[in-house]
Structure formats: structure tokens, C-alpha cells
Amino acid sequence: MHIDFNPNSEPAAEINFNQFLQVDMRIGEIIEVEDFPEARNPSYKLKINFGSGVGVKKSCAQITVHYSKEDLLGKKIIAVVNFPPRQIGKFMSEVLVMGFSDENNDIVLFNLDKEVPNGARLH
């Protein structure tokens, strides 16, 4: 399956509401950021606190263009928490951090306009 991230592309195939509910997207707070020099593309290794229900999970993210390690520490992000873990080099990524591609295909994270607790689910 090819996914087109171009903002001018057609919408993805229609899904039903139950299919949407199967994708568990939650708010987490980045509590640790490390460089990931072994990655093919510039990336960070992240530890993210999703609260008591999900706990602390690891991920790697190609977000080095717009964010320094200092920018990310304490930042709230959204991630898919129910994909199977994925081996990326010697690192096991447990969640998928979500973002949007800018005009150069570099990832931009979103900002909340109100505070929500870690582990809050998107709906």
C-alpha cells in the first residue's frame, strides 16, 4: 500500500467508525531525547510518558529539522500506541509519533491549545 503525503492528494479510502476506533492515538509527554546517529535519516530516540494506562514507551522520530533536543523535552505529542513494535536498526520503536509534512517533507508536530493529561485518547 502506498500512502501519498502530498497535501494536494486525494483523500485515503473511506473507512468506517469502528475501524477508526481501532487506531489508539494518545497524548504523551517527551521525557527523554537522545541523538540516533545509527539511523539512516537524522532522527532522535524518544522516551514518552503516556500516563498510567499505557506507561512510558520508546520511539524514534525524524524530527531533527524543526526541533532541537531541548525543544522536545517536556513537549506533548500524539502517537499511535497500538501498532506492533518495530525494529529500527538496533532500536525497538514501540509507538508511532504523528506529525505533518511541511513543503520540504520535514515533519512538523502539532500544538495543543489546551492542556490534556498524558494518556488522553484522540476521538
Protein backbone atom coordinates (compact mmCIF):
# COMPACT_ATOMS: atom_id res chain seq x y z
CA MET A 1 0.00 0.00 0.00
CA HIS A 2 1.34 3.42 -0.98
CA ILE A 3 0.39 6.42 1.16
CA ASP A 4 0.66 9.81 -0.52
CA PHE A 5 1.59 12.56 1.97
CA ASN A 6 1.21 15.31 -0.64
CA PRO A 7 -1.30 17.90 0.67
CA ASN A 8 -2.91 18.05 -2.78
CA SER A 9 -3.55 14.29 -2.99
CA GLU A 10 -6.99 12.74 -2.90
CA PRO A 11 -8.35 11.52 0.46
CA ALA A 12 -7.50 7.96 1.55
CA ALA A 13 -10.06 5.19 1.06
CA GLU A 14 -13.14 5.53 3.23
CA ILE A 15 -13.19 3.58 6.49
CA ASN A 16 -15.97 3.03 8.99
CA PHE A 17 -16.06 4.43 12.52
CA ASN A 18 -15.16 1.09 14.14
CA GLN A 19 -12.01 0.91 12.02
CA PHE A 20 -11.06 4.41 13.22
CA LEU A 21 -11.59 3.38 16.85
CA GLN A 22 -9.09 0.54 16.41
CA VAL A 23 -6.27 3.09 15.94
CA ASP A 24 -5.38 4.12 19.50
CA MET A 25 -3.85 7.64 19.37
CA ARG A 26 -2.84 9.13 22.70
CA ILE A 27 -1.16 12.21 24.13
CA GLY A 28 2.22 11.68 25.70
CA GLU A 29 4.94 13.90 27.14
CA ILE A 30 8.51 13.52 25.92
CA ILE A 31 10.66 12.83 29.00
CA GLU A 32 13.96 11.89 27.33
CA VAL A 33 15.59 12.74 23.98
CA GLU A 34 18.79 11.26 22.56
CA ASP A 35 20.54 11.55 19.21
CA PHE A 36 20.17 8.47 16.98
CA PRO A 37 23.35 8.57 14.86
CA GLU A 38 22.87 4.98 13.59
CA ALA A 39 19.58 5.87 11.88
CA ARG A 40 19.53 6.10 8.08
CA ASN A 41 17.86 9.53 8.26
CA PRO A 42 18.57 12.09 11.01
CA SER A 43 16.41 11.08 13.98
CA TYR A 44 16.01 11.25 17.72
CA LYS A 45 15.32 8.43 20.17
CA LEU A 46 12.46 9.45 22.45
CA LYS A 47 11.02 8.21 25.73
CA ILE A 48 7.41 9.29 26.08
CA ASN A 49 5.19 9.17 29.17
CA PHE A 50 1.60 8.23 28.28
CA GLY A 51 0.39 8.06 31.88
CA SER A 52 -0.53 5.06 33.99
CA GLY A 53 -2.66 3.26 31.39
CA VAL A 54 -0.03 2.97 28.63
CA GLY A 55 3.11 3.85 30.60
CA VAL A 56 6.46 5.02 29.23
CA LYS A 57 7.20 3.97 25.64
CA LYS A 58 10.13 4.41 23.25
CA SER A 59 10.02 5.76 19.73
CA CYS A 60 12.33 7.25 17.16
CA ALA A 61 11.29 10.19 15.06
CA GLN A 62 12.71 12.06 12.07
CA ILE A 63 12.02 15.49 13.57
CA THR A 64 15.54 16.94 13.73
CA VAL A 65 14.97 19.69 11.14
CA HIS A 66 12.46 21.72 13.15
CA TYR A 67 13.24 20.60 16.73
CA SER A 68 16.30 20.50 18.95
CA LYS A 69 16.54 18.05 21.82
CA GLU A 70 15.87 20.94 24.19
CA ASP A 71 12.72 21.94 22.25
CA LEU A 72 11.33 18.42 22.61
CA LEU A 73 11.92 17.79 26.30
CA GLY A 74 8.55 18.21 28.04
CA LYS A 75 6.65 18.62 24.75
CA LYS A 76 3.28 16.90 24.39
CA ILE A 77 2.93 14.79 21.25
CA ILE A 78 0.37 12.42 19.79
CA ALA A 79 1.31 8.86 18.93
CA VAL A 80 -0.31 5.62 17.82
CA VAL A 81 0.21 3.32 20.79
CA ASN A 82 -1.26 0.06 19.48
CA PHE A 83 0.93 -0.72 16.46
CA PRO A 84 3.28 -3.66 16.98
CA PRO A 85 6.84 -2.65 17.96
CA ARG A 86 9.15 -2.01 15.01
CA GLN A 87 12.87 -2.74 14.90
CA ILE A 88 14.82 0.24 13.52
CA GLY A 89 18.47 -0.72 13.44
CA LYS A 90 19.36 -1.77 16.98
CA PHE A 91 16.47 0.26 18.43
CA MET A 92 12.95 -1.08 19.11
CA SER A 93 10.34 1.62 18.46
CA GLU A 94 7.15 0.95 20.45
CA VAL A 95 4.87 3.79 19.29
CA LEU A 96 4.47 5.92 16.14
CA VAL A 97 4.82 9.66 16.75
CA MET A 98 2.43 11.58 14.50
CA GLY A 99 3.23 14.74 12.55
CA PHE A 100 2.60 16.59 9.32
CA SER A 101 4.92 17.07 6.34
CA ASP A 102 5.84 20.65 5.51
CA GLU A 103 6.60 21.85 1.95
CA ASN A 104 10.03 20.13 2.17
CA ASN A 105 8.63 16.87 3.59
CA ASP A 106 10.15 17.63 7.00
CA ILE A 107 7.96 16.65 9.94
CA VAL A 108 6.10 19.27 11.97
CA LEU A 109 4.45 18.31 15.25
CA PHE A 110 1.17 19.87 16.32
CA ASN A 111 0.47 22.07 19.36
CA LEU A 112 -2.41 21.65 21.78
CA ASP A 113 -4.36 24.80 22.55
CA LYS A 114 -5.43 23.47 26.00
CA GLU A 115 -3.72 21.13 28.47
CA VAL A 116 -4.79 17.47 28.48
CA PRO A 117 -3.46 14.67 30.70
CA ASN A 118 -0.88 12.20 29.48
CA GLY A 119 -2.67 9.17 28.04
CA ALA A 120 -5.72 11.11 26.81
CA ARG A 121 -7.09 9.42 23.69
CA LEU A 122 -7.91 11.15 20.41
CA HIS A 123 -11.59 10.97 19.47
